[in-house]
């Protein structure tokens, strides 16, 4: 890797090694995991078991994640070599660019005008703007980890959200890149990462909430929440939809209902426009809409009332007493929230979902 500055190559190799399995699943997709190794035929992604990539370092410090050996040829190297060989790249600058794209890192400088619009080996736009694609969102999701014991858990508990054991749609990234605009410097902050999925459960995008270092608030940046990827019609989902679903805009808002109705399926659509455009699950018979008291929220409600009527779905509105349901939870408590929601729910849903206890 002599064409790259040594520190750059070493840093990229280290970051790739920290996400070795995600790298292998992307560039060596013909292989499979076996214990602590990813097995595949060769660096060109041929099916087989000759090449093995170590996914984690050994407990005794021996062996490094990301190192690989091809038992048939004797070839060996790191994950930068995997990217180079699997894509057939010749220039190590292109290898570094591809690694940064995979890791959702900023490019060190704009690509020359002659390179803009070219596609990489997967047919994706190779310009820096490609970081907002669904593929980039899925890579960030793959590189994130469960929220237990992280600043993301601290953030949710700070919002009085305590039912956090089965929230598989939420993950955490300790050093998520943030840049206010293309001319601003890049910063890193801890972030809660939420998976945006379609009705089949496929990740189409992610939502990032950048957090303060201690997790007890949002990061002190201009725009602490951003989504990326394919969002239209999709949502951050909690629980499995049967025939009843509650949908709203914000993640913390819909999770506030989870505190007292943990068995009710929820969808956070992230904005009023996306709430209005949400896709309806095939089995849906009754939709509760968490109403935000503003013009955009009113428009979303009007649109959903028309769409659900056309689809033969009952649509009921849920209105908080304060600004939103998370404010109701934090300032009024679970008992008051239960009293607020009880008369707004269909009687059969009171019996099925509204737990009689508080915590």
Foldseek 3Di string as FASTA:
>chain_A
DVLDDVVLVVVLLVLCLLLVVLLCCVLQVLWDDDPQWTAAQDLLNHRDGQKIFGNDADPVRPDGGQWMARNVPRDIDGSLVSQCSNQVNDDSLVSSLVSCLLVVHADPDFDPPVQFQDAGSVRFGSGNVSCQAQNVQVSVVSSFAACPPHLQVVLLVLLVQDPRPQQPQKTKDAFDWDAPDPPGDIGTAIWIKGFWAAPVRDGFKIKIAGADNNSNGGDPDDDRIDIGGDQAQIFRKDADDAAEEEEEADPSQQSLLCQFFVHHIYTHSNFLVNLLRHDDDPRHAEYEYEAAPDPSSVVSVVSVVVVCVVVNHHYFYQYDPDRGSSCCCPPVNDVVSLVSCVVRDDPVCCVVGGDPDHD
